[in-house]
N, C-alpha and C. Protein backbone atom coordinates (compact mmCIF):
# COMPACT_ATOMS: atom_id res chain seq x y z
N UNK A 1 109.33 101.82 86.86
CA UNK A 1 109.55 102.89 87.80
C UNK A 1 109.78 102.29 89.18
N UNK A 2 110.80 102.74 89.81
CA UNK A 2 111.12 102.27 91.16
C UNK A 2 110.35 103.09 92.19
N UNK A 3 110.32 102.57 93.40
CA UNK A 3 109.55 103.19 94.48
C UNK A 3 109.97 104.64 94.72
N UNK A 4 111.27 104.91 94.75
CA UNK A 4 111.75 106.27 95.04
C UNK A 4 111.31 107.25 93.95
N UNK A 5 111.33 106.81 92.70
CA UNK A 5 110.89 107.68 91.60
C UNK A 5 109.39 107.93 91.69
N UNK A 6 108.62 106.91 92.04
CA UNK A 6 107.18 107.07 92.20
C UNK A 6 106.88 108.04 93.33
N UNK A 7 107.55 107.87 94.47
CA UNK A 7 107.35 108.77 95.60
C UNK A 7 107.66 110.22 95.22
N UNK A 8 108.75 110.43 94.51
CA UNK A 8 109.13 111.78 94.10
C UNK A 8 108.09 112.39 93.16
N UNK A 9 107.63 111.60 92.19
CA UNK A 9 106.66 112.10 91.22
C UNK A 9 105.33 112.44 91.88
N UNK A 10 104.85 111.57 92.76
CA UNK A 10 103.58 111.82 93.44
C UNK A 10 103.72 113.00 94.40
N UNK A 11 104.84 113.10 95.08
CA UNK A 11 105.07 114.23 96.00
C UNK A 11 105.06 115.54 95.23
N UNK A 12 105.71 115.57 94.10
CA UNK A 12 105.76 116.79 93.29
C UNK A 12 104.37 117.15 92.76
N UNK A 13 103.62 116.15 92.30
CA UNK A 13 102.29 116.37 91.74
C UNK A 13 101.29 116.82 92.82
N UNK A 14 101.40 116.25 94.01
CA UNK A 14 100.40 116.51 95.05
C UNK A 14 100.77 117.63 96.01
N UNK A 15 102.03 117.98 96.08
CA UNK A 15 102.47 118.99 97.03
C UNK A 15 102.74 118.42 98.42
N UNK A 16 102.69 117.11 98.56
CA UNK A 16 103.00 116.45 99.82
C UNK A 16 104.50 116.15 99.88
N UNK A 17 104.99 115.83 101.08
CA UNK A 17 106.38 115.40 101.20
C UNK A 17 106.48 113.94 100.80
N UNK A 18 107.69 113.50 100.51
CA UNK A 18 107.90 112.09 100.16
C UNK A 18 107.49 111.17 101.31
N UNK A 19 107.76 111.58 102.54
CA UNK A 19 107.39 110.77 103.70
C UNK A 19 105.87 110.63 103.80
N UNK A 20 105.15 111.72 103.53
CA UNK A 20 103.69 111.65 103.57
C UNK A 20 103.16 110.73 102.47
N UNK A 21 103.72 110.84 101.28
CA UNK A 21 103.29 110.00 100.15
C UNK A 21 103.58 108.54 100.46
N UNK A 22 104.75 108.25 101.01
CA UNK A 22 105.09 106.88 101.36
C UNK A 22 104.12 106.32 102.40
N UNK A 23 103.76 107.15 103.37
CA UNK A 23 102.81 106.73 104.39
C UNK A 23 101.44 106.42 103.79
N UNK A 24 100.98 107.26 102.88
CA UNK A 24 99.69 107.06 102.23
C UNK A 24 99.71 105.78 101.37
N UNK A 25 100.78 105.57 100.61
CA UNK A 25 100.87 104.36 99.78
C UNK A 25 100.94 103.10 100.63
N UNK A 26 101.66 103.16 101.74
CA UNK A 26 101.75 102.00 102.62
C UNK A 26 100.39 101.70 103.25
N UNK A 27 99.68 102.74 103.67
CA UNK A 27 98.36 102.54 104.26
C UNK A 27 97.37 102.00 103.23
N UNK A 28 97.46 102.47 102.01
CA UNK A 28 96.59 101.97 100.94
C UNK A 28 96.86 100.50 100.68
N UNK A 29 98.11 100.12 100.57
CA UNK A 29 98.47 98.72 100.32
C UNK A 29 98.00 97.84 101.48
N UNK A 30 98.13 98.32 102.70
CA UNK A 30 97.69 97.57 103.87
C UNK A 30 96.18 97.36 103.84
N UNK A 31 95.44 98.39 103.49
CA UNK A 31 93.98 98.28 103.45
C UNK A 31 93.51 97.36 102.32
N UNK A 32 94.14 97.43 101.16
CA UNK A 32 93.79 96.53 100.05
C UNK A 32 94.04 95.09 100.47
N UNK A 33 95.17 94.84 101.10
CA UNK A 33 95.51 93.50 101.57
C UNK A 33 94.49 93.01 102.60
N UNK A 34 94.10 93.88 103.52
CA UNK A 34 93.13 93.51 104.55
C UNK A 34 91.77 93.18 103.96
N UNK A 35 91.34 93.96 102.98
CA UNK A 35 90.04 93.71 102.34
C UNK A 35 90.05 92.39 101.62
N UNK A 36 91.10 92.10 100.88
CA UNK A 36 91.18 90.85 100.13
C UNK A 36 91.27 89.66 101.08
N UNK A 37 92.04 89.80 102.17
CA UNK A 37 92.15 88.73 103.15
C UNK A 37 90.82 88.46 103.85
N UNK A 38 89.99 89.49 103.98
CA UNK A 38 88.71 89.33 104.67
C UNK A 38 87.70 88.55 103.84
N UNK A 39 88.01 88.30 102.59
CA UNK A 39 87.12 87.49 101.76
C UNK A 39 86.31 88.28 100.76
N UNK A 40 86.42 89.60 100.75
CA UNK A 40 85.71 90.37 99.74
C UNK A 40 86.32 90.08 98.38
N UNK A 41 85.49 90.14 97.35
CA UNK A 41 85.93 89.75 96.02
C UNK A 41 86.89 90.73 95.36
N UNK A 42 86.68 92.01 95.55
CA UNK A 42 87.53 92.96 94.84
C UNK A 42 87.60 94.30 95.55
N UNK A 43 88.59 95.08 95.13
CA UNK A 43 88.76 96.46 95.59
C UNK A 43 88.81 97.31 94.33
N UNK A 44 87.86 98.21 94.20
CA UNK A 44 87.82 99.08 93.03
C UNK A 44 87.76 100.52 93.51
N UNK A 45 88.69 101.34 93.05
CA UNK A 45 88.70 102.75 93.38
C UNK A 45 88.46 103.51 92.09
N UNK A 46 87.24 103.92 91.87
CA UNK A 46 86.85 104.51 90.60
C UNK A 46 87.51 105.86 90.33
N UNK A 47 87.74 106.67 91.32
CA UNK A 47 88.30 107.99 91.11
C UNK A 47 89.74 107.99 90.63
N UNK A 48 90.46 106.92 90.87
CA UNK A 48 91.87 106.87 90.49
C UNK A 48 92.04 106.45 89.03
N UNK A 49 91.10 105.70 88.49
CA UNK A 49 91.07 105.30 87.08
C UNK A 49 92.22 104.38 86.71
N UNK A 50 92.70 103.57 87.61
CA UNK A 50 93.79 102.65 87.31
C UNK A 50 93.25 101.25 87.05
N UNK A 51 92.50 100.72 87.99
CA UNK A 51 91.99 99.37 87.85
C UNK A 51 91.51 98.84 89.18
N UNK A 52 91.32 97.53 89.23
CA UNK A 52 90.83 96.93 90.47
C UNK A 52 91.63 95.69 90.81
N UNK A 53 91.70 95.42 92.09
CA UNK A 53 92.32 94.20 92.59
C UNK A 53 91.21 93.21 92.87
N UNK A 54 91.44 91.95 92.53
CA UNK A 54 90.44 90.92 92.73
C UNK A 54 91.08 89.66 93.25
N UNK A 55 90.24 88.78 93.77
CA UNK A 55 90.69 87.48 94.21
C UNK A 55 90.16 86.46 93.21
N UNK A 56 91.03 85.58 92.73
CA UNK A 56 90.63 84.57 91.75
C UNK A 56 91.04 83.19 92.23
N UNK A 57 90.24 82.22 91.90
CA UNK A 57 90.58 80.82 92.20
C UNK A 57 91.52 80.31 91.13
N UNK A 58 92.59 79.69 91.54
CA UNK A 58 93.55 79.09 90.62
C UNK A 58 93.58 77.59 90.87
N UNK A 59 93.57 76.83 89.81
CA UNK A 59 93.67 75.38 89.97
C UNK A 59 94.98 74.91 89.37
N UNK A 60 95.45 73.80 89.85
CA UNK A 60 96.68 73.24 89.33
C UNK A 60 96.37 72.41 88.10
N UNK A 61 97.25 72.41 87.10
CA UNK A 61 97.03 71.57 85.93
C UNK A 61 97.21 70.09 86.29
N UNK A 62 96.63 69.24 85.51
CA UNK A 62 96.78 67.80 85.73
C UNK A 62 98.08 67.33 85.07
N UNK A 63 99.11 67.28 85.84
CA UNK A 63 100.41 66.82 85.36
C UNK A 63 100.63 65.41 85.87
N UNK A 64 101.06 64.54 85.00
CA UNK A 64 101.25 63.15 85.42
C UNK A 64 102.70 62.74 85.24
N UNK A 65 103.21 62.12 86.24
CA UNK A 65 104.54 61.54 86.20
C UNK A 65 104.38 60.10 86.67
N UNK A 66 104.40 59.14 85.73
CA UNK A 66 104.13 57.76 86.11
C UNK A 66 105.12 57.19 87.12
N UNK A 67 106.32 57.73 87.18
CA UNK A 67 107.32 57.18 88.11
C UNK A 67 107.14 57.72 89.53
N UNK A 68 106.38 58.76 89.69
CA UNK A 68 106.20 59.36 91.01
C UNK A 68 104.87 58.92 91.61
N UNK A 69 104.82 58.97 92.90
CA UNK A 69 103.57 58.66 93.59
C UNK A 69 102.55 59.75 93.27
N UNK A 70 101.29 59.40 93.16
CA UNK A 70 100.30 60.43 92.85
C UNK A 70 100.19 61.45 93.99
N UNK A 71 100.14 62.70 93.61
CA UNK A 71 99.98 63.76 94.61
C UNK A 71 98.70 64.52 94.30
N UNK A 72 98.08 65.01 95.31
CA UNK A 72 96.85 65.77 95.14
C UNK A 72 97.16 67.22 95.50
N UNK A 73 96.95 68.10 94.54
CA UNK A 73 97.15 69.53 94.77
C UNK A 73 95.79 70.20 94.69
N UNK A 74 95.50 71.00 95.67
CA UNK A 74 94.21 71.65 95.69
C UNK A 74 94.30 73.04 95.06
N UNK A 75 93.15 73.57 94.73
CA UNK A 75 93.09 74.91 94.18
C UNK A 75 93.47 75.92 95.26
N UNK A 76 93.89 77.08 94.84
CA UNK A 76 94.24 78.13 95.78
C UNK A 76 93.73 79.46 95.26
N UNK A 77 93.75 80.46 96.09
CA UNK A 77 93.33 81.79 95.67
C UNK A 77 94.56 82.65 95.43
N UNK A 78 94.42 83.59 94.50
CA UNK A 78 95.52 84.49 94.17
C UNK A 78 94.95 85.88 93.93
N UNK A 79 95.70 86.91 94.29
CA UNK A 79 95.29 88.27 94.01
C UNK A 79 95.59 88.58 92.55
N UNK A 80 94.65 89.20 91.87
CA UNK A 80 94.84 89.58 90.47
C UNK A 80 94.57 91.07 90.32
N UNK A 81 94.96 91.60 89.18
CA UNK A 81 94.75 93.02 88.89
C UNK A 81 94.07 93.12 87.54
N UNK A 82 93.00 93.91 87.46
CA UNK A 82 92.31 94.15 86.21
C UNK A 82 92.44 95.64 85.88
N UNK A 83 93.08 95.94 84.77
CA UNK A 83 93.30 97.33 84.39
C UNK A 83 91.99 98.01 84.05
N UNK A 84 91.85 99.25 84.46
CA UNK A 84 90.67 100.04 84.16
C UNK A 84 90.72 100.60 82.75
N UNK A 85 89.60 101.13 82.29
CA UNK A 85 89.48 101.65 80.93
C UNK A 85 90.49 102.77 80.65
N UNK A 86 90.64 103.69 81.59
CA UNK A 86 91.56 104.81 81.40
C UNK A 86 93.00 104.34 81.25
N UNK A 87 93.40 103.35 82.06
CA UNK A 87 94.76 102.81 81.97
C UNK A 87 94.96 102.08 80.65
N UNK A 88 93.98 101.31 80.23
CA UNK A 88 94.07 100.58 78.96
C UNK A 88 94.22 101.55 77.80
N UNK A 89 93.44 102.63 77.81
CA UNK A 89 93.51 103.62 76.74
C UNK A 89 94.84 104.38 76.77
N UNK A 90 95.37 104.62 77.95
CA UNK A 90 96.63 105.35 78.08
C UNK A 90 97.81 104.59 77.50
N UNK A 91 97.78 103.27 77.61
CA UNK A 91 98.93 102.49 77.14
C UNK A 91 98.71 101.92 75.74
N UNK A 92 97.53 102.10 75.19
CA UNK A 92 97.25 101.57 73.84
C UNK A 92 97.87 102.42 72.76
C-alpha cells in the first residue's frame, strides 16, 4: 500500500481529512524517531495492536580477505519492528 492509499483509507475510516491524517502520521513518525534516538529501548502502542519499534545491536560478520588489509568494523544499532499478536493473527 502506498502512502496516498493509506491516507485515503485512514481518512475515510476516521472521518478526518487527508491533510489531518498526514499530519498525524508525520508527527507519530517524528516522535517514534525521537524516542529511539534518545536511547529508549522501544516504543510500544498497545491500543493500536500493530507492534513495537525497538533498537537492536547489530554486529558485523567476521569476513576475511587475505589480500586486503585488515579492517575493524564496530557494532552498530538499528531500528527493528516486532509485530504484535493481533497483526500476527491477522496475516496468519
